[in-house]
Amino acid sequence: MTNPTSATPSTPADPMELVRSRSYLVVLLFGAVIGAPVAFVAYFFLKWISVVQHYGFTTLPGELGFHGEPIWWPVVPLAVCGLLVGLTIQHLPGTAGHKPAEGFKASGAPAPIDLPGIAIAAFATLSLGAVLGPEAPLIAIGSGLGVLAMHLVKKDAPAQAVAVIGAAGSFAAISTLLGSPLVGAFLLMEAAGLGGPLLGVILVPGLLAAGIGALIFVGLDNWTGYGTFSLAISNIPPFKEVVGGELLWAVGIGVAAALLGVCIRWMALFLQPIIEKRKALLTTLAGLAIAGFAIAFAEASGKSSSDVLFSGQSFLPSLIQNAAGWTVGALVLLVLFKSLAFGASLGGFRGGPTFPGMFIGAAGGMALSHLPGLPLIAGVAMGIGGMTVAMLGLPLTSVLLTSLFLEVDAVKLMPLVIIAVVVSYVVTARLAPVLPKITPESALTPAAPSTQGN
């Protein structure tokens, strides 16, 4: 993910002098220009992921003569998914993007030569059933395209200008996905650790690119009729007001979300160095394991295996709106098997942790809402907030994302969400030392034999 501060100059006495300079106006203009193509790429990237998902899991079984999706069907696309991702990581330049098991953190913009590997691995991961979201690949692709465009226009561009335009590309990509330039700005600020007098100077080109990108998304929706990618959910149960018992539930859900999040991350960090030893083979086996979790859930619950697969972004609204059709037992199984599939996906595939965490948190909150003193939508809100911060480590973004998702009840639910997020954030930080240590990939590669004589 782009770190806008990685190449910025030392802070001047008056940052407004930089804003008034001619060079800053050029960077601002370039930020506005880059927002359009990045949004165009992001829009069709997300659209074709949806098309391939539908074809691979709905249309293709019928074309092959099956009446609906056979119970074993997830094995086919997930084996292909694992093989494609493993081969991409092994043979294309770079590491096909950020390793999601290592957390959602800032890093430099990817080199242009790394972009094909990032796009291929992410597309296979997201469209063929692995349990990861599109936010991390979109940030990498957006920043990479921004840097590429900057180098094409001016090969000797200053490092700080390249960094700011890379950040603007990230803003345009992630903000169109999240449906709000403001939420995208908070996410990137928290992840990159932005602050100080230069904060506004760096953010303005990104916000401009994000605003232009949002307009492009609206225009593409009107032109294609494909629809947008808004996170807001309608027709949710109304929430009246917070009562004392719900504050205790917020503490309990925050602790539970932290414990579950650490377990998922432990599984991912345990698997990652193992899978990296033989990427193509073991990523394929990880895909088969994810298929197995989905099949086991479908057999045990009578629900669809697709509830366990994918990021959960498109299924989350229907999960909440159809809460009456879910038993406590089915919800507990959903949390269990989705978490296992999520951990395996984090360990070997490429994508982001945001939406699977939100989905698991919502399902857990729904299950707990069957207990006394916890309204359904309050449990969902606290579960989403607690699991989001457990996976991202970004408290402000976690509160904003939850509020954006539950916009009708957001203001009334916000105190509960804040408590759940803060508790989960602190408990997760306290438990961090129990996680497996990250081993550099180079340490897993046997040393080359010496060419010197004995």
Protein backbone atom coordinates (compact mmCIF):
# COMPACT_ATOMS: atom_id res chain seq x y z
CA MET A 1 0.00 0.00 0.00
CA THR A 2 1.23 3.49 -0.79
CA ASN A 3 2.88 5.41 2.00
CA PRO A 4 2.50 9.07 1.03
CA THR A 5 5.11 10.10 3.59
CA SER A 6 7.82 7.76 2.40
CA ALA A 7 9.44 10.30 0.14
CA THR A 8 8.16 13.66 1.36
CA PRO A 9 10.62 16.42 2.13
CA SER A 10 11.38 17.62 5.62
CA THR A 11 8.63 19.79 7.02
CA PRO A 12 9.08 23.44 5.99
CA ALA A 13 8.59 26.28 8.43
CA ASP A 14 5.32 27.17 6.71
CA PRO A 15 3.64 24.37 4.71
CA MET A 16 1.44 26.98 3.04
CA GLU A 17 4.51 28.18 1.15
CA LEU A 18 4.50 24.80 -0.60
CA VAL A 19 0.76 25.12 -1.34
CA ARG A 20 1.33 28.54 -2.95
CA SER A 21 4.17 27.24 -5.14
CA ARG A 22 3.76 26.56 -8.86
CA SER A 23 5.04 22.99 -8.47
CA TYR A 24 2.23 22.20 -6.02
CA LEU A 25 -0.38 23.42 -8.49
CA VAL A 26 1.12 21.07 -11.09
CA VAL A 27 0.93 18.14 -8.65
CA LEU A 28 -2.66 19.10 -7.78
CA LEU A 29 -3.63 19.16 -11.46
CA PHE A 30 -1.96 15.82 -12.05
CA GLY A 31 -3.82 14.39 -9.05
CA ALA A 32 -7.12 15.47 -10.61
CA VAL A 33 -6.16 13.93 -13.95
CA ILE A 34 -5.03 10.59 -12.49
CA GLY A 35 -8.32 10.10 -10.63
CA ALA A 36 -10.25 9.39 -13.84
CA PRO A 37 -8.22 6.50 -15.32
CA VAL A 38 -7.67 4.88 -11.91
CA ALA A 39 -11.43 4.95 -11.23
CA PHE A 40 -12.08 3.52 -14.70
CA VAL A 41 -9.69 0.61 -14.06
CA ALA A 42 -11.09 0.02 -10.55
CA TYR A 43 -14.69 0.02 -11.80
CA PHE A 44 -14.15 -2.62 -14.45
CA PHE A 45 -11.80 -4.62 -12.23
CA LEU A 46 -14.61 -4.97 -9.67
CA LYS A 47 -17.23 -5.56 -12.35
CA TRP A 48 -15.35 -8.43 -14.00
CA ILE A 49 -14.67 -10.02 -10.63
CA SER A 50 -18.45 -10.11 -10.14
CA VAL A 51 -18.99 -11.52 -13.65
CA VAL A 52 -16.48 -14.34 -13.17
CA GLN A 53 -17.89 -15.16 -9.72
CA HIS A 54 -21.38 -15.54 -11.15
CA TYR A 55 -20.24 -17.55 -14.14
CA GLY A 56 -17.96 -19.88 -12.20
CA PHE A 57 -20.39 -20.69 -9.40
CA THR A 58 -23.82 -20.28 -11.04
CA THR A 59 -23.73 -20.44 -14.84
CA LEU A 60 -20.96 -22.98 -15.49
CA PRO A 61 -22.48 -25.87 -13.47
CA GLY A 62 -25.70 -25.53 -15.51
CA GLU A 63 -23.78 -25.45 -18.79
CA LEU A 64 -22.11 -28.70 -17.77
CA GLY A 65 -25.49 -30.37 -17.25
CA PHE A 66 -25.88 -30.10 -13.48
CA HIS A 67 -29.17 -29.03 -11.93
CA GLY A 68 -27.74 -26.32 -9.73
CA GLU A 69 -24.33 -26.26 -8.09
CA PRO A 70 -23.19 -29.73 -6.89
CA ILE A 71 -22.11 -29.87 -3.26
CA TRP A 72 -18.52 -30.61 -4.31
CA TRP A 73 -18.36 -27.80 -6.88
CA PRO A 74 -16.20 -25.33 -4.85
CA VAL A 75 -13.30 -27.76 -5.23
CA VAL A 76 -13.00 -26.93 -8.94
CA PRO A 77 -12.69 -23.10 -8.91
CA LEU A 78 -10.66 -23.03 -5.70
CA ALA A 79 -8.11 -25.53 -7.02
CA VAL A 80 -7.75 -23.34 -10.12
CA CYS A 81 -7.57 -20.27 -7.87
CA GLY A 82 -4.77 -21.72 -5.75
CA LEU A 83 -2.77 -22.85 -8.76
CA LEU A 84 -3.06 -19.48 -10.55
CA VAL A 85 -2.16 -17.47 -7.47
CA GLY A 86 0.75 -19.75 -6.58
CA LEU A 87 2.20 -19.65 -10.09
CA THR A 88 1.76 -15.87 -10.26
CA ILE A 89 3.57 -15.31 -6.96
CA GLN A 90 6.33 -17.72 -7.95
CA HIS A 91 7.04 -16.60 -11.50
CA LEU A 92 5.97 -12.97 -12.03
CA PRO A 93 8.01 -10.00 -10.77
CA GLY A 94 7.36 -8.93 -7.21
CA THR A 95 5.32 -10.90 -4.69
CA ALA A 96 1.95 -10.26 -6.38
CA GLY A 97 1.25 -7.52 -3.89
CA HIS A 98 1.19 -7.18 -0.13
CA LYS A 99 1.02 -10.36 1.97
CA PRO A 100 -2.31 -9.98 3.80
CA ALA A 101 -1.28 -12.18 6.75
CA GLU A 102 1.20 -9.48 7.77
CA GLY A 103 -1.51 -6.91 8.40
CA PHE A 104 -2.90 -3.85 6.69
CA LYS A 105 0.09 -1.52 6.66
CA ALA A 106 1.72 1.18 4.59
CA SER A 107 4.49 0.42 2.13
CA GLY A 108 5.91 2.06 -0.95
CA ALA A 109 3.99 2.13 -4.22
CA PRO A 110 4.66 -1.01 -6.30
CA ALA A 111 6.98 -0.77 -9.28
CA PRO A 112 5.13 -0.73 -12.62
CA ILE A 113 6.64 -4.11 -13.51
CA ASP A 114 4.90 -5.61 -10.45
CA LEU A 115 1.39 -4.51 -11.50
CA PRO A 116 0.55 -7.53 -13.74
CA GLY A 117 1.31 -9.96 -10.93
CA ILE A 118 -0.74 -7.93 -8.44
CA ALA A 119 -3.72 -7.75 -10.81
CA ILE A 120 -3.65 -11.44 -11.81
CA ALA A 121 -3.25 -12.80 -8.27
CA ALA A 122 -5.93 -10.50 -6.88
CA PHE A 123 -8.37 -11.22 -9.71
CA ALA A 124 -7.99 -15.00 -9.28
CA THR A 125 -8.29 -14.72 -5.50
CA LEU A 126 -11.40 -12.54 -5.52
CA SER A 127 -13.29 -14.16 -8.39
CA LEU A 128 -12.67 -17.85 -7.68
CA GLY A 129 -13.75 -18.11 -4.07
CA ALA A 130 -10.91 -17.28 -1.66
CA VAL A 131 -12.00 -15.29 1.41
CA LEU A 132 -10.35 -11.90 0.90
CA GLY A 133 -11.52 -8.46 -0.19
CA PRO A 134 -10.54 -6.06 -2.99
CA GLU A 135 -9.35 -3.07 -0.98
CA ALA A 136 -5.62 -3.90 -0.69
CA PRO A 137 -5.16 -4.82 -4.39
CA LEU A 138 -7.06 -1.70 -5.46
CA ILE A 139 -4.81 0.49 -3.30
CA ALA A 140 -1.72 -1.14 -4.82
CA ILE A 141 -3.04 -0.92 -8.38
CA GLY A 142 -4.14 2.70 -7.92
CA SER A 143 -0.80 3.80 -6.48
CA GLY A 144 1.14 1.83 -9.10
CA LEU A 145 -0.83 3.40 -11.93
CA GLY A 146 -0.26 6.86 -10.43
CA VAL A 147 3.50 6.30 -10.24
CA LEU A 148 3.56 4.84 -13.77
CA ALA A 149 1.68 7.83 -15.17
CA MET A 150 4.00 10.25 -13.38
CA HIS A 151 7.09 8.55 -14.81
CA LEU A 152 5.60 8.52 -18.31
CA VAL A 153 4.97 12.26 -18.16
CA LYS A 154 8.23 13.20 -16.43
CA LYS A 155 10.89 10.52 -15.99
CA ASP A 156 12.98 12.66 -13.63
CA ALA A 157 10.05 13.75 -11.44
CA PRO A 158 11.02 14.52 -7.81
CA ALA A 159 10.57 11.62 -5.42
CA GLN A 160 8.12 13.57 -3.25
CA ALA A 161 5.90 14.40 -6.24
CA VAL A 162 5.88 10.74 -7.29
CA ALA A 163 4.92 9.71 -3.74
CA VAL A 164 2.05 12.21 -3.58
CA ILE A 165 0.67 11.14 -6.98
CA GLY A 166 0.98 7.49 -5.96
CA ALA A 167 -1.07 8.33 -2.88
CA ALA A 168 -3.62 10.14 -5.06
CA GLY A 169 -4.02 6.99 -7.17
CA SER A 170 -4.63 4.99 -4.00
CA PHE A 171 -7.25 7.51 -2.87
CA ALA A 172 -9.10 7.31 -6.16
CA ALA A 173 -9.16 3.50 -6.12
CA ILE A 174 -10.11 2.86 -2.49
CA SER A 175 -12.58 5.74 -2.16
CA THR A 176 -14.67 4.54 -5.08
CA LEU A 177 -14.83 1.09 -3.49
CA LEU A 178 -15.80 2.39 -0.04
CA GLY A 179 -18.31 4.85 -1.48
CA SER A 180 -16.80 7.84 0.31
CA PRO A 181 -13.62 9.86 -0.28
CA LEU A 182 -13.67 10.75 3.42
CA VAL A 183 -13.55 7.12 4.60
CA GLY A 184 -10.80 6.37 2.08
CA ALA A 185 -8.84 9.34 3.40
CA PHE A 186 -9.15 8.15 7.01
CA LEU A 187 -8.11 4.63 6.03
CA LEU A 188 -4.97 5.79 4.24
CA MET A 189 -4.11 8.36 6.92
CA GLU A 190 -4.30 5.79 9.70
CA ALA A 191 -2.51 3.07 7.79
CA ALA A 192 0.32 5.37 6.68
CA GLY A 193 0.59 7.20 10.00
CA LEU A 194 0.05 10.61 8.41
CA GLY A 195 0.09 13.65 10.65
CA GLY A 196 1.72 16.99 11.31
CA PRO A 197 1.72 20.22 9.32
CA LEU A 198 2.06 18.48 5.95
CA LEU A 199 -1.06 16.39 6.44
CA GLY A 200 -3.34 18.70 4.49
CA VAL A 201 -0.73 19.35 1.82
CA ILE A 202 -0.47 15.63 1.08
CA LEU A 203 -4.18 14.87 1.40
CA VAL A 204 -5.54 17.54 -0.94
CA PRO A 205 -4.32 15.94 -4.22
CA GLY A 206 -5.62 12.57 -2.99
CA LEU A 207 -9.03 13.96 -2.06
CA LEU A 208 -9.26 15.68 -5.43
CA ALA A 209 -8.39 12.43 -7.22
CA ALA A 210 -10.95 10.59 -5.09
CA GLY A 211 -13.66 13.13 -5.91
CA ILE A 212 -12.93 12.89 -9.64
CA GLY A 213 -12.93 9.10 -9.34
CA ALA A 214 -16.34 9.14 -7.63
CA LEU A 215 -17.75 11.17 -10.51
CA ILE A 216 -16.28 8.69 -12.99
CA PHE A 217 -17.95 5.82 -11.09
CA VAL A 218 -21.32 7.58 -11.32
CA GLY A 219 -20.82 8.23 -15.02
CA LEU A 220 -19.83 4.61 -15.69
CA ASP A 221 -22.89 3.42 -13.79
CA ASN A 222 -25.17 5.59 -15.93
CA TRP A 223 -23.37 4.50 -19.10
CA THR A 224 -23.13 0.74 -18.45
CA GLY A 225 -26.07 0.13 -16.11
CA TYR A 226 -23.86 -2.25 -14.09
CA GLY A 227 -24.57 -0.51 -10.81
CA THR A 228 -22.33 1.04 -8.19
CA PHE A 229 -20.47 -0.49 -5.27
CA SER A 230 -22.03 1.38 -2.33
CA LEU A 231 -21.58 -0.20 1.10
CA ALA A 232 -24.65 1.37 2.68
CA ILE A 233 -27.42 -1.11 3.47
CA SER A 234 -31.11 -0.29 3.39
CA ASN A 235 -34.09 -1.87 5.16
CA ILE A 236 -32.30 -2.58 8.41
CA PRO A 237 -34.12 -2.82 11.76
CA PRO A 238 -34.48 0.58 13.48
CA PHE A 239 -32.53 1.21 16.68
CA LYS A 240 -34.19 3.34 19.37
CA GLU A 241 -31.64 4.28 22.02
CA VAL A 242 -28.73 2.89 24.01
CA VAL A 243 -29.47 1.30 27.38
CA GLY A 244 -27.05 0.29 30.12
CA GLY A 245 -26.97 -3.42 29.35
CA GLU A 246 -25.93 -2.79 25.78
CA LEU A 247 -22.78 -0.99 27.02
CA LEU A 248 -21.75 -4.22 28.76
CA TRP A 249 -22.46 -6.11 25.55
CA ALA A 250 -20.14 -3.68 23.74
CA VAL A 251 -17.29 -4.61 26.08
CA GLY A 252 -17.96 -8.34 25.73
CA ILE A 253 -18.24 -8.22 21.94
CA GLY A 254 -15.05 -6.16 21.74
CA VAL A 255 -13.15 -8.81 23.73
CA ALA A 256 -14.65 -11.67 21.70
CA ALA A 257 -13.82 -9.95 18.40
CA ALA A 258 -10.22 -9.43 19.49
CA LEU A 259 -9.81 -13.07 20.51
CA LEU A 260 -11.29 -14.34 17.24
CA GLY A 261 -9.26 -11.87 15.17
CA VAL A 262 -6.01 -12.95 16.84
CA CYS A 263 -6.86 -16.62 16.23
CA ILE A 264 -7.45 -15.92 12.52
CA ARG A 265 -4.22 -13.98 12.22
CA TRP A 266 -2.29 -16.68 14.12
CA MET A 267 -3.54 -19.29 11.64
CA ALA A 268 -2.55 -17.08 8.71
CA LEU A 269 0.95 -16.31 10.03
CA PHE A 270 1.48 -19.98 10.85
CA LEU A 271 0.54 -21.05 7.31
CA GLN A 272 2.31 -18.30 5.37
CA PRO A 273 5.94 -19.53 5.72
CA ILE A 274 4.84 -23.12 5.06
CA ILE A 275 3.00 -22.20 1.86
CA GLU A 276 5.90 -20.04 0.65
CA LYS A 277 8.22 -23.07 0.57
CA ARG A 278 6.34 -24.57 -2.41
CA LYS A 279 4.01 -21.85 -3.62
CA ALA A 280 2.18 -23.47 -6.55
CA LEU A 281 1.52 -26.81 -4.84
CA LEU A 282 0.72 -25.57 -1.34
CA THR A 283 -1.40 -22.61 -2.46
CA THR A 284 -3.46 -25.10 -4.47
CA LEU A 285 -3.82 -27.28 -1.36
CA ALA A 286 -4.84 -24.19 0.61
CA GLY A 287 -7.54 -23.54 -2.01
CA LEU A 288 -8.78 -27.11 -1.61
CA ALA A 289 -8.88 -26.64 2.17
CA ILE A 290 -11.01 -23.50 1.74
CA ALA A 291 -13.36 -25.49 -0.52
CA GLY A 292 -13.52 -28.17 2.16
CA PHE A 293 -14.53 -25.63 4.81
CA ALA A 294 -17.29 -24.31 2.53
CA ILE A 295 -18.58 -27.81 1.75
CA ALA A 296 -18.53 -28.82 5.43
CA PHE A 297 -20.56 -25.72 6.31
CA ALA A 298 -23.12 -26.41 3.58
CA GLU A 299 -23.52 -30.03 4.68
CA ALA A 300 -23.83 -29.15 8.38
CA SER A 301 -26.12 -26.13 8.06
CA GLY A 302 -28.19 -26.72 4.92
CA LYS A 303 -27.10 -23.28 3.66
CA SER A 304 -25.07 -22.41 0.56
CA SER A 305 -21.32 -22.96 0.42
CA SER A 306 -21.05 -19.46 -1.08
CA ASP A 307 -21.86 -18.02 2.35
CA VAL A 308 -18.37 -19.12 3.42
CA LEU A 309 -16.60 -18.23 0.18
CA PHE A 310 -15.63 -14.81 -1.19
CA SER A 311 -15.11 -11.60 0.78
CA GLY A 312 -18.71 -11.37 2.00
CA GLN A 313 -19.05 -7.80 0.71
CA SER A 314 -22.00 -8.54 -1.58
CA PHE A 315 -23.61 -11.13 0.75
CA LEU A 316 -23.52 -9.06 3.93
CA PRO A 317 -26.65 -6.96 3.25
CA SER A 318 -28.77 -10.03 2.52
CA LEU A 319 -27.38 -11.79 5.61
CA ILE A 320 -28.66 -8.98 7.83
CA GLN A 321 -31.93 -8.43 5.96
CA ASN A 322 -32.73 -12.17 6.10
CA ALA A 323 -31.69 -12.64 9.73
CA ALA A 324 -34.97 -14.38 10.54
CA GLY A 325 -33.99 -17.27 8.29
CA TRP A 326 -30.82 -18.04 10.26
CA THR A 327 -30.73 -20.18 13.40
CA VAL A 328 -28.15 -19.68 16.13
CA GLY A 329 -26.51 -22.97 15.20
CA ALA A 330 -26.18 -22.01 11.54
CA LEU A 331 -24.69 -18.62 12.47
CA VAL A 332 -22.14 -20.23 14.80
CA LEU A 333 -21.13 -22.64 12.03
CA LEU A 334 -20.89 -19.71 9.61
CA VAL A 335 -18.54 -17.82 11.94
CA LEU A 336 -16.43 -20.95 12.50
CA PHE A 337 -16.00 -22.04 8.88
CA LYS A 338 -15.73 -18.51 7.47
CA SER A 339 -12.97 -17.81 10.00
CA LEU A 340 -11.08 -20.97 9.03
CA ALA A 341 -11.40 -20.16 5.33
CA PHE A 342 -10.36 -16.57 6.06
CA GLY A 343 -7.22 -17.68 7.90
CA ALA A 344 -6.22 -20.03 5.08
CA SER A 345 -6.83 -17.29 2.51
CA LEU A 346 -4.74 -14.76 4.42
CA GLY A 347 -1.88 -17.25 4.59
CA GLY A 348 -1.48 -17.89 0.87
CA PHE A 349 -3.62 -15.65 -1.34
CA ARG A 350 -3.69 -11.95 -2.19
CA GLY A 351 -6.36 -9.51 -1.11
CA GLY A 352 -7.54 -7.43 1.82
CA PRO A 353 -8.93 -8.36 5.26
CA THR A 354 -11.64 -5.71 5.62
CA PHE A 355 -14.81 -7.27 4.24
CA PRO A 356 -14.35 -10.85 5.54
CA GLY A 357 -13.78 -9.33 8.98
CA MET A 358 -16.94 -7.25 8.68
CA PHE A 359 -18.94 -10.30 7.55
CA ILE A 360 -17.71 -12.51 10.40
CA GLY A 361 -18.38 -9.72 12.90
CA ALA A 362 -21.93 -9.26 11.61
CA ALA A 363 -22.66 -13.00 11.76
CA GLY A 364 -21.26 -13.22 15.29
CA GLY A 365 -23.34 -10.24 16.41
CA MET A 366 -26.44 -11.82 14.89
CA ALA A 367 -25.81 -15.04 16.80
CA LEU A 368 -25.33 -13.18 20.09
CA SER A 369 -28.48 -11.13 19.53
CA HIS A 370 -30.51 -14.25 20.36
CA LEU A 371 -29.39 -13.73 23.97
CA PRO A 372 -31.27 -11.32 26.28
CA GLY A 373 -30.56 -7.61 26.18
CA LEU A 374 -28.96 -7.35 22.75
CA PRO A 375 -31.00 -6.01 19.79
CA LEU A 376 -30.12 -7.53 16.42
CA ILE A 377 -28.81 -4.40 14.74
CA ALA A 378 -26.79 -3.40 17.81
CA GLY A 379 -25.10 -6.81 17.85
CA VAL A 380 -24.37 -6.52 14.13
CA ALA A 381 -22.90 -3.01 14.50
CA MET A 382 -20.66 -3.91 17.44
CA GLY A 383 -19.56 -7.14 15.78
CA ILE A 384 -18.62 -5.36 12.56
CA GLY A 385 -16.70 -2.64 14.40
CA GLY A 386 -14.89 -5.03 16.72
CA MET A 387 -13.82 -7.47 14.00
CA THR A 388 -12.83 -4.70 11.59
CA VAL A 389 -10.40 -3.14 14.03
CA ALA A 390 -9.11 -6.57 15.08
CA MET A 391 -8.14 -7.28 11.46
CA LEU A 392 -7.07 -3.76 10.37
CA GLY A 393 -5.75 -2.19 13.56
CA LEU A 394 -7.31 1.13 12.45
CA PRO A 395 -9.86 2.33 15.06
CA LEU A 396 -11.08 5.52 13.37
CA THR A 397 -11.57 3.76 10.04
CA SER A 398 -13.39 0.89 11.77
CA VAL A 399 -15.91 3.26 13.36
CA LEU A 400 -16.43 5.16 10.10
CA LEU A 401 -16.84 2.01 8.00
CA THR A 402 -19.43 0.63 10.41
CA SER A 403 -21.31 3.93 10.41
CA LEU A 404 -21.24 4.09 6.61
CA PHE A 405 -22.59 0.56 6.36
CA LEU A 406 -25.42 1.11 8.86
CA GLU A 407 -26.12 4.70 7.87
CA VAL A 408 -29.79 4.74 8.94
CA ASP A 409 -28.95 3.83 12.56
CA ALA A 410 -25.34 5.07 12.55
CA VAL A 411 -25.67 8.03 14.91
CA LYS A 412 -27.62 6.17 17.59
CA LEU A 413 -25.37 3.11 17.40
CA MET A 414 -22.07 5.00 17.34
CA PRO A 415 -21.43 5.00 21.15
CA LEU A 416 -21.75 1.20 21.21
CA VAL A 417 -19.58 0.81 18.13
CA ILE A 418 -16.88 3.08 19.61
CA ILE A 419 -16.74 1.08 22.85
CA ALA A 420 -16.55 -2.24 20.98
CA VAL A 421 -13.84 -0.88 18.67
CA VAL A 422 -11.72 0.56 21.50
CA VAL A 423 -11.95 -2.62 23.58
CA SER A 424 -11.12 -4.81 20.60
CA TYR A 425 -8.23 -2.56 19.60
CA VAL A 426 -6.65 -2.62 23.07
CA VAL A 427 -7.14 -6.37 23.61
CA THR A 428 -5.76 -7.13 20.14
CA ALA A 429 -2.66 -5.04 20.89
CA ARG A 430 -2.18 -6.85 24.21
CA LEU A 431 -2.42 -10.24 22.51
CA ALA A 432 -0.12 -9.35 19.60
CA PRO A 433 3.00 -10.94 21.19
CA VAL A 434 1.42 -14.42 20.95
CA LEU A 435 1.30 -14.21 17.12
CA PRO A 436 3.95 -16.10 15.14
CA LYS A 437 6.87 -13.92 14.12
CA ILE A 438 7.05 -12.93 10.46
CA THR A 439 9.87 -14.78 8.74
CA PRO A 440 11.44 -13.11 5.70
CA GLU A 441 10.88 -15.17 2.59
CA SER A 442 14.60 -15.18 1.88
CA ALA A 443 15.18 -17.11 5.09
CA LEU A 444 13.04 -19.92 3.73
CA THR A 445 15.20 -20.34 0.62
CA PRO A 446 18.19 -22.68 0.98
CA ALA A 447 21.50 -20.93 0.48
CA ALA A 448 23.16 -21.43 -2.89
CA PRO A 449 26.08 -23.84 -2.84
CA SER A 450 29.50 -22.24 -2.70
CA THR A 451 31.41 -22.03 -5.97
CA GLN A 452 34.75 -21.84 -4.22
CA GLY A 453 36.99 -24.84 -3.90
CA ASN A 454 37.19 -26.73 -0.63
